[in-house]
Amino acid sequence: MNTAQPEIYTTTQETDIKKYKMLGLSILFDAIGMLSFAIPVIGEFGDVIWAPISAILIYKMYKGAEGRIGGMVSFFEELIPGLDFIPTFTLTWIYKYVIKKGK
């Protein structure tokens, strides 16, 4: 009986779980970034606080070039009024796991 197959299956399953947890976090963080639409005046002030936080989060979530570029895009997207609708975290996840097919 080959015992290596269950380990491979478990590793693949764990990778998929981690990948979809990152998607869930990405959607949550994008929703937090879009909150400024709910509170017009105060929300834009909140973007000044959220911009560096979101940049750090995306940098730590998506290591490497995706994290660096995503962090910069997220930072400026949050600071520029009217661009809060762009789901930067989710787009970064799509790039890494769907387009690039990273693990």
Protein backbone atom coordinates (compact mmCIF):
# COMPACT_ATOMS: atom_id res chain seq x y z
CA MET A 1 0.00 0.00 0.00
CA ASN A 2 1.37 3.38 -1.02
CA THR A 3 1.29 5.87 1.87
CA ALA A 4 2.64 8.80 -0.19
CA GLN A 5 -0.66 9.48 -1.97
CA PRO A 6 -2.63 10.56 1.13
CA GLU A 7 0.15 13.02 2.01
CA ILE A 8 0.05 14.51 -1.48
CA TYR A 9 -3.74 14.73 -1.32
CA THR A 10 -3.58 16.32 2.12
CA THR A 11 -0.96 18.82 0.98
CA THR A 12 -3.02 19.73 -2.08
CA GLN A 13 -6.16 20.01 0.02
CA GLU A 14 -4.36 22.21 2.57
CA THR A 15 -3.07 24.41 -0.24
CA ASP A 16 -6.59 24.81 -1.63
CA ILE A 17 -7.95 25.68 1.82
CA LYS A 18 -5.22 28.31 2.31
CA LYS A 19 -5.85 29.70 -1.17
CA TYR A 20 -9.58 30.14 -0.55
CA LYS A 21 -9.02 31.59 2.91
CA MET A 22 -6.88 34.22 1.19
CA LEU A 23 -9.76 34.87 -1.23
CA GLY A 24 -12.13 35.34 1.70
CA LEU A 25 -9.73 37.76 3.39
CA SER A 26 -9.25 39.60 0.09
CA ILE A 27 -12.99 40.10 -0.30
CA LEU A 28 -13.27 41.24 3.34
CA PHE A 29 -10.43 43.76 2.98
CA ASP A 30 -11.90 45.08 -0.29
CA ALA A 31 -15.24 45.53 1.49
CA ILE A 32 -13.50 47.47 4.27
CA GLY A 33 -11.86 49.67 1.64
CA MET A 34 -15.25 50.39 0.06
CA LEU A 35 -16.78 51.60 3.34
CA SER A 36 -15.99 55.20 2.48
CA PHE A 37 -18.89 55.09 0.02
CA ALA A 38 -21.21 54.42 2.99
CA ILE A 39 -20.07 57.50 4.93
CA PRO A 40 -19.33 60.26 2.38
CA VAL A 41 -17.34 62.86 4.37
CA ILE A 42 -15.89 60.74 7.16
CA GLY A 43 -15.18 57.88 4.78
CA GLU A 44 -12.67 59.85 2.75
CA PHE A 45 -10.78 60.69 5.95
CA GLY A 46 -10.86 56.97 6.78
CA ASP A 47 -9.18 56.26 3.45
CA VAL A 48 -6.13 58.21 4.61
CA ILE A 49 -5.86 55.80 7.53
CA TRP A 50 -6.82 52.68 5.53
CA ALA A 51 -4.40 53.33 2.62
CA PRO A 52 -1.16 52.40 4.42
CA ILE A 53 -2.86 49.57 6.32
CA SER A 54 -4.18 48.04 3.11
CA ALA A 55 -0.78 48.40 1.43
CA ILE A 56 0.92 46.55 4.29
CA LEU A 57 -1.76 43.83 4.36
CA ILE A 58 -1.58 43.12 0.64
CA TYR A 59 2.24 43.15 0.78
CA LYS A 60 2.25 40.56 3.57
CA MET A 61 -0.53 38.41 2.05
CA TYR A 62 0.94 38.17 -1.43
CA LYS A 63 4.68 37.80 -1.18
CA GLY A 64 7.05 38.75 -3.97
CA ALA A 65 6.28 40.98 -6.92
CA GLU A 66 2.50 40.55 -6.53
CA GLY A 67 2.69 41.87 -2.97
CA ARG A 68 4.92 44.83 -3.80
CA ILE A 69 2.91 45.92 -6.84
CA GLY A 70 -0.42 45.19 -5.16
CA GLY A 71 0.64 47.20 -2.12
CA MET A 72 1.53 50.23 -4.21
CA VAL A 73 -1.67 50.01 -6.25
CA SER A 74 -3.77 49.55 -3.10
CA PHE A 75 -2.12 52.52 -1.40
CA PHE A 76 -2.77 54.94 -4.25
CA GLU A 77 -6.20 53.49 -5.05
CA GLU A 78 -7.31 54.20 -1.47
CA LEU A 79 -5.83 57.71 -1.40
CA ILE A 80 -7.35 58.87 -4.70
CA PRO A 81 -11.01 59.80 -4.17
CA GLY A 82 -13.52 57.85 -6.24
CA LEU A 83 -11.37 54.76 -6.84
CA ASP A 84 -12.56 52.81 -3.79
CA PHE A 85 -14.72 50.59 -5.96
CA ILE A 86 -11.64 48.80 -7.37
CA PRO A 87 -11.23 45.44 -5.55
CA THR A 88 -7.43 45.49 -5.41
CA PHE A 89 -7.07 42.55 -3.00
CA THR A 90 -9.40 40.34 -5.04
CA LEU A 91 -7.77 41.31 -8.33
CA THR A 92 -4.38 40.43 -6.87
CA TRP A 93 -5.76 37.03 -5.79
CA ILE A 94 -7.16 36.45 -9.29
CA TYR A 95 -3.82 37.36 -10.84
CA LYS A 96 -1.85 35.07 -8.52
CA TYR A 97 -4.13 32.02 -8.42
CA VAL A 98 -6.09 32.13 -11.68
CA ILE A 99 -4.01 33.96 -14.28
CA LYS A 100 -0.54 33.03 -13.00
CA LYS A 101 -1.79 29.79 -11.37
CA GLY A 102 0.46 30.19 -8.33
CA LYS A 103 0.30 27.99 -5.27
